Amino acid sequence: AVKAPAAPVGAWRVIVVGSMLARRLERPLLRDRLGRRPLPVQVFETLDEAMAALEAGGVPAAEAVLLQCATLRAAELPRLQALAQGSGARRVHVLYGFATSALSAAFESAGLLLLRSPQDDRSLAAWLQASCSPLPLPLVVSPRRWDDAALADFAGLSSTIACECPRHVAELLMQLSSFEAYSAECAHRDPADAALHAYLGQVAGTARALFEQALERLAVQEGLMLPGEGV
């Protein structure tokens, strides 16, 4: 196993299983497309080597575990989960060559992120993007609080008060909700493209939820009824 030097501020700390994948993380095109610089805090050649290190005394803290393997095997699922738990990683990415549809479905149901190889650097970066985002994105985004009709009514309040913020915030919420829905419905060309659109939808949903909080605070500050309350 190879340990990395001290992490620079803002680096994306990962444990990598597969030296080829670790080398790919150094490619300029891939690194330029990621939100943060990937920093392998430890690189293992095989999952057996990683598990031996975990059992011997632990592994470094990391945000994600990245594995590249030729074939997906059922026995790897609990071991990857143990490696993630031991390092504190919240995400596990598996770049694999072959697997049955039932086995890949089982890995995905357990929360692991899968991508079938080979993939170019653009696709690989898109697949990794959701995990290395500098934004603390929640795993589950809350549903919409208000529909467009209620927001449009709230936006109309700007004509009765001096502050234009109710209209601006309501319009931003409608735009964010539209993009969130678009990302969920957009056609996917491949698994990496699907991962990218899932990430975009997660960003939009997170921003939308934050602006919903802002709108509620604005309404309280200005003494306004929240969208839909006057119906």
Protein backbone atom coordinates (compact mmCIF):
# COMPACT_ATOMS: atom_id res chain seq x y z
CA ALA A 1 0.00 0.00 0.00
CA VAL A 2 1.13 3.52 -0.76
CA LYS A 3 0.35 6.42 1.56
CA ALA A 4 -0.05 9.95 0.24
CA PRO A 5 1.53 13.09 1.72
CA ALA A 6 -0.49 15.53 3.82
CA ALA A 7 -3.65 16.69 2.09
CA PRO A 8 -3.83 20.23 0.70
CA VAL A 9 -6.79 22.31 1.85
CA GLY A 10 -9.94 21.38 -0.02
CA ALA A 11 -8.58 18.13 -1.46
CA TRP A 12 -10.94 15.20 -2.03
CA ARG A 13 -9.56 12.40 0.16
CA VAL A 14 -10.05 8.94 -1.35
CA ILE A 15 -8.88 5.39 -0.81
CA VAL A 16 -8.15 3.78 -4.17
CA VAL A 17 -8.09 0.06 -4.85
CA GLY A 18 -6.34 -0.42 -8.19
CA SER A 19 -3.16 1.40 -9.12
CA MET A 20 -4.37 1.99 -12.68
CA LEU A 21 -7.34 3.97 -11.39
CA ALA A 22 -5.04 5.93 -9.06
CA ARG A 23 -2.89 6.90 -12.05
CA ARG A 24 -5.94 8.04 -13.98
CA LEU A 25 -6.84 10.44 -11.18
CA GLU A 26 -3.62 12.32 -12.01
CA ARG A 27 -4.63 13.03 -15.61
CA PRO A 28 -5.11 16.79 -16.22
CA LEU A 29 -8.35 16.43 -18.18
CA LEU A 30 -10.02 14.39 -15.46
CA ARG A 31 -8.75 16.58 -12.63
CA ASP A 32 -9.85 19.76 -14.38
CA ARG A 33 -13.41 18.43 -14.63
CA LEU A 34 -13.70 17.56 -10.94
CA GLY A 35 -14.83 20.09 -8.38
CA ARG A 36 -11.90 19.31 -6.06
CA ARG A 37 -8.44 17.88 -6.48
CA PRO A 38 -8.57 14.10 -5.86
CA LEU A 39 -6.01 13.00 -3.28
CA PRO A 40 -5.49 9.25 -2.79
CA VAL A 41 -4.67 8.97 0.93
CA GLN A 42 -3.85 5.30 0.35
CA VAL A 43 -3.60 3.15 -2.76
CA PHE A 44 -4.01 -0.62 -2.68
CA GLU A 45 -3.36 -2.95 -5.56
CA THR A 46 -6.15 -5.35 -4.57
CA LEU A 47 -9.16 -5.45 -2.26
CA ASP A 48 -7.46 -8.30 -0.35
CA GLU A 49 -4.57 -5.93 0.41
CA ALA A 50 -6.99 -3.23 1.56
CA MET A 51 -8.83 -5.62 3.87
CA ALA A 52 -5.57 -6.87 5.34
CA ALA A 53 -4.60 -3.27 6.17
CA LEU A 54 -8.02 -2.65 7.70
CA GLU A 55 -7.76 -5.73 9.91
CA ALA A 56 -4.14 -4.99 10.87
CA GLY A 57 -4.75 -1.57 12.30
CA GLY A 58 -7.05 0.52 10.16
CA VAL A 59 -6.92 2.75 7.13
CA PRO A 60 -6.74 6.54 6.79
CA ALA A 61 -9.87 8.67 6.96
CA ALA A 62 -11.36 9.24 3.53
CA GLU A 63 -14.47 10.68 1.92
CA ALA A 64 -14.84 7.92 -0.68
CA VAL A 65 -13.55 4.49 -1.64
CA LEU A 66 -12.78 3.95 -5.34
CA LEU A 67 -12.35 0.43 -6.70
CA GLN A 68 -11.46 -0.79 -10.17
CA CYS A 69 -11.99 -4.48 -10.87
CA ALA A 70 -12.36 -6.73 -13.88
CA THR A 71 -15.35 -8.66 -12.54
CA LEU A 72 -17.91 -7.78 -9.90
CA ARG A 73 -18.30 -10.49 -7.24
CA ALA A 74 -20.90 -10.84 -4.50
CA ALA A 75 -18.21 -11.36 -1.84
CA GLU A 76 -16.84 -7.87 -2.52
CA LEU A 77 -19.97 -6.07 -1.33
CA PRO A 78 -19.60 -6.64 2.44
CA ARG A 79 -15.85 -6.07 2.24
CA LEU A 80 -16.31 -2.73 0.47
CA GLN A 81 -18.90 -1.75 3.05
CA ALA A 82 -16.46 -2.62 5.82
CA LEU A 83 -13.70 -0.61 4.14
CA ALA A 84 -16.01 2.38 3.83
CA GLN A 85 -17.05 2.09 7.46
CA GLY A 86 -13.47 1.75 8.63
CA SER A 87 -12.36 4.87 6.75
CA GLY A 88 -15.50 6.92 7.36
CA ALA A 89 -16.18 7.13 3.62
CA ARG A 90 -19.75 8.07 2.67
CA ARG A 91 -19.46 6.92 -0.96
CA VAL A 92 -18.13 3.84 -2.71
CA HIS A 93 -17.46 3.92 -6.46
CA VAL A 94 -16.85 0.70 -8.38
CA LEU A 95 -15.50 0.76 -11.94
CA TYR A 96 -16.00 -2.76 -13.23
CA GLY A 97 -15.68 -4.76 -16.42
CA PHE A 98 -18.28 -7.51 -16.12
CA ALA A 99 -21.20 -8.38 -13.84
CA THR A 100 -24.62 -9.95 -13.98
CA SER A 101 -27.56 -7.56 -13.98
CA ALA A 102 -28.81 -9.05 -10.69
CA LEU A 103 -25.45 -8.54 -8.99
CA SER A 104 -25.02 -4.97 -10.21
CA ALA A 105 -28.58 -4.22 -9.02
CA ALA A 106 -27.70 -5.60 -5.58
CA PHE A 107 -24.62 -3.35 -5.35
CA GLU A 108 -26.63 -0.29 -6.40
CA SER A 109 -29.43 -1.12 -3.95
CA ALA A 110 -26.78 -1.12 -1.21
CA GLY A 111 -25.84 2.44 -2.18
CA LEU A 112 -22.67 1.77 -4.17
CA LEU A 113 -22.10 3.75 -7.37
CA LEU A 114 -21.27 1.57 -10.37
CA LEU A 115 -19.82 2.36 -13.77
CA ARG A 116 -18.90 -0.21 -16.41
CA SER A 117 -15.51 0.17 -18.05
CA PRO A 118 -13.96 1.17 -20.35
CA GLN A 119 -14.78 4.88 -19.99
CA ASP A 120 -13.01 8.01 -21.17
CA ASP A 121 -11.83 10.67 -18.72
CA ARG A 122 -14.85 12.89 -19.31
CA SER A 123 -17.26 10.10 -18.39
CA LEU A 124 -15.16 9.03 -15.43
CA ALA A 125 -15.08 12.61 -14.09
CA ALA A 126 -18.85 12.98 -14.47
CA TRP A 127 -19.35 9.74 -12.53
CA LEU A 128 -17.11 10.92 -9.69
CA GLN A 129 -18.41 14.49 -9.62
CA ALA A 130 -21.30 13.97 -7.16
CA SER A 131 -18.95 12.59 -4.51
CA CYS A 132 -16.16 15.14 -4.82
CA SER A 133 -18.40 18.19 -4.97
CA PRO A 134 -17.24 20.97 -2.64
CA LEU A 135 -20.91 21.45 -1.74
CA PRO A 136 -22.15 19.42 1.25
CA LEU A 137 -24.98 17.89 -0.76
CA PRO A 138 -27.52 15.84 1.21
CA LEU A 139 -28.14 12.27 0.13
CA VAL A 140 -31.90 12.95 0.07
CA VAL A 141 -33.35 16.29 -1.04
CA SER A 142 -36.66 17.39 0.45
CA PRO A 143 -39.66 17.67 -1.94
CA ARG A 144 -41.00 21.01 -3.16
CA ARG A 145 -42.95 23.05 -0.63
CA TRP A 146 -44.84 25.22 -3.14
CA ASP A 147 -45.98 24.79 -6.72
CA ASP A 148 -45.54 27.39 -9.47
CA ALA A 149 -49.05 28.83 -9.05
CA ALA A 150 -48.51 29.60 -5.37
CA LEU A 151 -45.07 31.06 -6.09
CA ALA A 152 -46.45 33.24 -8.88
CA ASP A 153 -49.04 34.66 -6.48
CA PHE A 154 -46.31 35.35 -3.94
CA ALA A 155 -44.18 37.03 -6.61
CA GLY A 156 -47.07 39.41 -7.31
CA LEU A 157 -46.73 40.81 -3.80
CA SER A 158 -43.74 42.84 -5.01
CA SER A 159 -46.18 45.24 -6.64
CA THR A 160 -47.62 46.15 -3.23
CA ILE A 161 -44.40 46.60 -1.23
CA ALA A 162 -41.23 48.55 -1.92
CA CYS A 163 -38.95 45.50 -1.67
CA GLU A 164 -38.63 43.44 -4.87
CA CYS A 165 -37.14 40.41 -3.08
CA PRO A 166 -40.40 38.40 -2.89
CA ARG A 167 -40.64 38.41 -6.67
CA HIS A 168 -36.96 37.64 -7.22
CA VAL A 169 -36.87 34.75 -4.75
CA ALA A 170 -40.14 33.27 -6.02
CA GLU A 171 -38.91 33.43 -9.63
CA LEU A 172 -35.61 31.81 -8.67
CA LEU A 173 -37.54 29.01 -6.96
CA MET A 174 -39.60 28.37 -10.08
CA GLN A 175 -36.48 28.27 -12.25
CA LEU A 176 -34.64 25.93 -9.87
CA SER A 177 -37.64 23.61 -9.64
CA SER A 178 -37.90 23.50 -13.43
CA PHE A 179 -34.23 22.62 -13.80
CA GLU A 180 -34.48 20.00 -11.05
CA ALA A 181 -37.35 18.34 -12.95
CA TYR A 182 -35.50 18.66 -16.25
CA SER A 183 -32.43 16.93 -14.83
CA ALA A 184 -34.57 14.03 -13.62
CA GLU A 185 -36.24 13.62 -17.03
CA CYS A 186 -33.27 14.30 -19.32
CA ALA A 187 -32.34 11.43 -21.65
CA HIS A 188 -29.20 9.58 -20.56
CA ARG A 189 -26.65 8.44 -23.09
CA ASP A 190 -24.70 6.19 -20.71
CA PRO A 191 -24.25 5.52 -16.97
CA ALA A 192 -21.81 8.41 -16.55
CA ASP A 193 -24.28 10.79 -18.19
CA ALA A 194 -26.99 9.52 -15.84
CA ALA A 195 -24.69 10.16 -12.87
CA LEU A 196 -24.00 13.69 -14.09
CA HIS A 197 -27.70 14.52 -14.41
CA ALA A 198 -28.40 12.99 -10.99
CA TYR A 199 -25.70 15.29 -9.60
CA LEU A 200 -27.17 18.32 -11.36
CA GLY A 201 -30.61 17.49 -10.03
CA GLN A 202 -29.19 17.09 -6.54
CA VAL A 203 -27.48 20.51 -6.76
CA ALA A 204 -30.68 22.14 -8.04
CA GLY A 205 -32.79 20.46 -5.35
CA THR A 206 -30.39 21.53 -2.61
CA ALA A 207 -30.41 25.12 -3.87
CA ARG A 208 -34.19 25.05 -4.16
CA ALA A 209 -34.57 23.84 -0.56
CA LEU A 210 -32.25 26.63 0.66
CA PHE A 211 -34.21 29.28 -1.26
CA GLU A 212 -37.44 27.92 0.21
CA GLN A 213 -35.98 28.61 3.64
CA ALA A 214 -34.96 32.08 2.44
CA LEU A 215 -38.47 32.78 1.16
CA GLU A 216 -39.99 31.79 4.50
CA ARG A 217 -37.59 34.09 6.33
CA LEU A 218 -38.37 36.88 3.89
CA ALA A 219 -42.11 36.43 4.42
CA VAL A 220 -41.71 36.62 8.20
CA GLN A 221 -39.48 39.71 7.93
CA GLU A 222 -41.93 41.53 5.64
CA GLY A 223 -45.09 40.34 7.39
CA LEU A 224 -46.33 38.43 4.33
CA MET A 225 -48.35 35.26 4.06
CA LEU A 226 -46.45 32.26 2.76
CA PRO A 227 -47.37 30.97 -0.72
CA GLY A 228 -50.75 29.24 -0.69
CA GLU A 229 -51.78 30.50 2.77
CA GLY A 230 -54.28 32.97 1.38
CA VAL A 231 -56.07 30.31 -0.71
